[in-house]
Amino acid sequence: MVRVGIAMLALLGLAACAGGPTASVPPAPRPLATAVSPDQDFLNRAATGTGNEIALGELGQQRGYSASVRAFGAHIAAEHMRAHASLIALARRLGLAPTETTADLSGLAALAGPEFDRQFIADQVKNQRDALALFNSAAQTGLDPRLRHFAREWIGALRRDLARAENIAAGIGALALR
């Protein structure tokens, strides 16, 4: 047992020597991770959310089976288009550029009829809850007062949209999907 341990140490030592002198080769520099400020994080997430809600609203308006889903989709698309334009204008005034990511809507777009409506509204309930939490947080803890003000301005609309989505969801049986 002791011989095996000594042999392993000897092999490890030889392997280290075989690699050549390591002290003369500097380690490759690692890029430093840039910390994102809370305001930039809010801008990124809000721009992503409003941009995706525009696309989702348009999809709901086009593909909705029931009139209430089509009307809600149209409302969401129009309202989030206003919010998105206002957010981008504010970001420019602050000298910031939001980084947006686009949601993959192919799964939802593949649905039709009442199944589309249920999934669309279940997603809307979740999205509106998430947005409300994001905007509440920014309104309370945002660093820039202009961003806090923007977030506070939209909280009422998000609450109304959440209540409307929950009412539609209850009417079409989408609450169980959340």
Protein backbone atom coordinates (compact mmCIF):
# COMPACT_ATOMS: atom_id res chain seq x y z
CA MET A 1 0.00 0.00 0.00
CA VAL A 2 2.83 2.41 0.91
CA ARG A 3 4.72 1.42 -2.30
CA VAL A 4 1.65 2.22 -4.40
CA GLY A 5 1.38 5.66 -2.77
CA ILE A 6 5.08 6.39 -3.34
CA ALA A 7 4.83 5.20 -6.93
CA MET A 8 1.82 7.48 -7.54
CA LEU A 9 3.69 10.47 -6.12
CA ALA A 10 6.69 9.70 -8.32
CA LEU A 11 4.48 9.42 -11.42
CA LEU A 12 2.74 12.70 -10.61
CA GLY A 13 6.10 14.39 -10.14
CA LEU A 14 7.34 13.05 -13.49
CA ALA A 15 4.17 14.14 -15.22
CA ALA A 16 4.59 17.64 -13.83
CA CYS A 17 8.19 17.80 -15.05
CA ALA A 18 7.28 16.44 -18.48
CA GLY A 19 5.02 19.40 -19.06
CA GLY A 20 8.06 21.69 -19.12
CA PRO A 21 8.65 24.79 -17.09
CA THR A 22 5.35 26.32 -16.14
CA ALA A 23 6.67 29.40 -14.37
CA SER A 24 7.73 31.03 -17.66
CA VAL A 25 4.29 30.66 -19.29
CA PRO A 26 1.90 33.24 -17.92
CA PRO A 27 -1.68 32.12 -17.49
CA ALA A 28 -4.10 33.32 -20.14
CA PRO A 29 -5.89 36.46 -19.01
CA ARG A 30 -9.52 35.93 -18.15
CA PRO A 31 -12.03 38.53 -19.21
CA LEU A 32 -13.49 40.34 -16.26
CA ALA A 33 -17.20 39.90 -15.82
CA THR A 34 -18.88 43.26 -15.94
CA ALA A 35 -21.40 43.75 -13.19
CA VAL A 36 -24.73 45.03 -14.40
CA SER A 37 -26.25 47.83 -12.35
CA PRO A 38 -29.75 47.30 -10.97
CA ASP A 39 -31.04 50.00 -13.33
CA GLN A 40 -29.47 48.35 -16.37
CA ASP A 41 -30.87 44.99 -15.27
CA PHE A 42 -34.34 46.51 -14.99
CA LEU A 43 -34.00 48.11 -18.43
CA ASN A 44 -32.86 44.82 -19.96
CA ARG A 45 -35.65 42.79 -18.38
CA ALA A 46 -38.36 45.41 -18.98
CA ALA A 47 -37.34 45.90 -22.63
CA THR A 48 -37.32 42.14 -23.15
CA GLY A 49 -40.69 41.80 -21.45
CA THR A 50 -42.41 44.65 -23.29
CA GLY A 51 -40.95 43.58 -26.62
CA ASN A 52 -42.08 39.99 -26.13
CA GLU A 53 -45.52 41.10 -24.93
CA ILE A 54 -46.00 43.06 -28.15
CA ALA A 55 -45.36 39.88 -30.15
CA LEU A 56 -47.49 37.77 -27.80
CA GLY A 57 -50.34 40.27 -27.91
CA GLU A 58 -50.28 40.30 -31.70
CA LEU A 59 -50.28 36.51 -31.72
CA GLY A 60 -53.23 36.45 -29.31
CA GLN A 61 -55.08 38.98 -31.45
CA GLN A 62 -54.53 36.89 -34.59
CA ARG A 63 -54.85 33.35 -33.24
CA GLY A 64 -57.27 33.76 -30.36
CA TYR A 65 -60.30 31.51 -30.53
CA SER A 66 -62.55 33.56 -28.28
CA ALA A 67 -63.35 37.24 -28.69
CA SER A 68 -62.12 37.97 -25.15
CA VAL A 69 -58.68 36.50 -25.92
CA ARG A 70 -58.43 38.37 -29.23
CA ALA A 71 -59.42 41.65 -27.54
CA PHE A 72 -56.98 41.07 -24.68
CA GLY A 73 -54.21 40.30 -27.18
CA ALA A 74 -54.89 43.54 -29.04
CA HIS A 75 -54.90 45.46 -25.75
CA ILE A 76 -51.62 43.89 -24.59
CA ALA A 77 -49.89 44.56 -27.93
CA ALA A 78 -50.96 48.23 -27.97
CA GLU A 79 -50.24 48.89 -24.30
CA HIS A 80 -46.83 47.23 -24.34
CA MET A 81 -45.93 49.04 -27.56
CA ARG A 82 -46.47 52.33 -25.70
CA ALA A 83 -44.54 51.09 -22.67
CA HIS A 84 -41.68 49.80 -24.83
CA ALA A 85 -41.37 53.08 -26.77
CA SER A 86 -41.41 55.05 -23.51
CA LEU A 87 -38.81 52.74 -21.94
CA ILE A 88 -36.45 53.00 -24.92
CA ALA A 89 -36.78 56.80 -24.93
CA LEU A 90 -36.00 56.90 -21.21
CA ALA A 91 -33.00 54.60 -21.67
CA ARG A 92 -31.63 56.99 -24.33
CA ARG A 93 -32.06 59.96 -21.99
CA LEU A 94 -30.16 58.01 -19.33
CA GLY A 95 -27.41 57.12 -21.80
CA LEU A 96 -28.16 53.40 -21.49
CA ALA A 97 -28.95 50.77 -24.08
CA PRO A 98 -31.12 47.85 -23.02
CA THR A 99 -30.16 44.39 -24.15
CA GLU A 100 -33.25 42.51 -25.23
CA THR A 101 -33.81 38.81 -25.79
CA THR A 102 -36.61 37.47 -27.93
CA ALA A 103 -38.90 34.71 -26.72
CA ASP A 104 -39.50 31.64 -28.83
CA LEU A 105 -43.21 31.70 -29.63
CA SER A 106 -43.22 28.62 -31.85
CA GLY A 107 -44.76 26.37 -29.18
CA LEU A 108 -47.65 28.73 -28.58
CA ALA A 109 -48.05 29.51 -32.29
CA ALA A 110 -48.47 25.79 -32.97
CA LEU A 111 -51.61 25.66 -30.83
CA ALA A 112 -55.11 26.42 -32.09
CA GLY A 113 -58.64 26.94 -30.82
CA PRO A 114 -59.48 26.70 -27.13
CA GLU A 115 -56.10 25.07 -26.43
CA PHE A 116 -54.35 28.21 -27.73
CA ASP A 117 -56.61 30.44 -25.64
CA ARG A 118 -55.96 28.50 -22.43
CA GLN A 119 -52.18 28.47 -22.90
CA PHE A 120 -52.05 32.10 -24.04
CA ILE A 121 -54.01 33.35 -21.04
CA ALA A 122 -52.13 31.12 -18.59
CA ASP A 123 -48.89 32.59 -19.95
CA GLN A 124 -50.33 36.09 -19.68
CA VAL A 125 -51.22 35.59 -16.02
CA LYS A 126 -47.65 34.48 -15.32
CA ASN A 127 -46.12 37.24 -17.47
CA GLN A 128 -48.21 39.97 -15.83
CA ARG A 129 -47.30 38.69 -12.35
CA ASP A 130 -43.62 38.63 -13.26
CA ALA A 131 -43.81 42.12 -14.78
CA LEU A 132 -45.63 43.48 -11.75
CA ALA A 133 -42.94 42.09 -9.44
CA LEU A 134 -40.17 43.54 -11.64
CA PHE A 135 -41.77 46.99 -11.81
CA ASN A 136 -42.58 47.04 -8.08
CA SER A 137 -38.97 46.23 -7.31
CA ALA A 138 -37.64 48.91 -9.65
CA ALA A 139 -40.09 51.46 -8.25
CA GLN A 140 -38.77 50.82 -4.74
CA THR A 141 -35.08 50.10 -5.25
CA GLY A 142 -34.10 51.64 -8.60
CA LEU A 143 -31.08 53.90 -8.39
CA ASP A 144 -32.18 56.56 -10.86
CA PRO A 145 -35.29 58.50 -9.80
CA ARG A 146 -36.46 58.74 -13.43
CA LEU A 147 -36.45 54.94 -13.70
CA ARG A 148 -38.27 54.59 -10.38
CA HIS A 149 -40.88 57.06 -11.64
CA PHE A 150 -41.29 55.17 -14.92
CA ALA A 151 -41.79 51.89 -13.06
CA ARG A 152 -44.35 53.46 -10.70
CA GLU A 153 -46.29 54.89 -13.67
CA TRP A 154 -46.84 51.44 -15.16
CA ILE A 155 -47.74 49.50 -12.00
CA GLY A 156 -51.43 50.43 -12.20
CA ALA A 157 -51.70 49.23 -15.81
CA LEU A 158 -49.92 45.98 -14.95
CA ARG A 159 -52.32 45.37 -12.06
CA ARG A 160 -55.33 45.96 -14.31
CA ASP A 161 -53.89 43.66 -16.98
CA LEU A 162 -53.23 40.94 -14.41
CA ALA A 163 -56.79 41.17 -13.06
CA ARG A 164 -58.20 41.06 -16.60
CA ALA A 165 -56.01 38.06 -17.52
CA GLU A 166 -57.06 36.23 -14.33
CA ASN A 167 -60.74 36.88 -15.10
CA ILE A 168 -60.38 35.55 -18.64
CA ALA A 169 -58.37 32.58 -17.35
CA ALA A 170 -61.09 31.70 -14.84
CA GLY A 171 -63.71 31.88 -17.60
CA ILE A 172 -61.90 29.54 -19.98
CA GLY A 173 -60.36 27.12 -17.48
CA ALA A 174 -56.78 28.29 -17.87
CA LEU A 175 -55.95 28.71 -14.18
CA ALA A 176 -54.98 25.06 -13.84
CA LEU A 177 -52.23 25.51 -16.45
CA ARG A 178 -50.12 27.88 -14.38
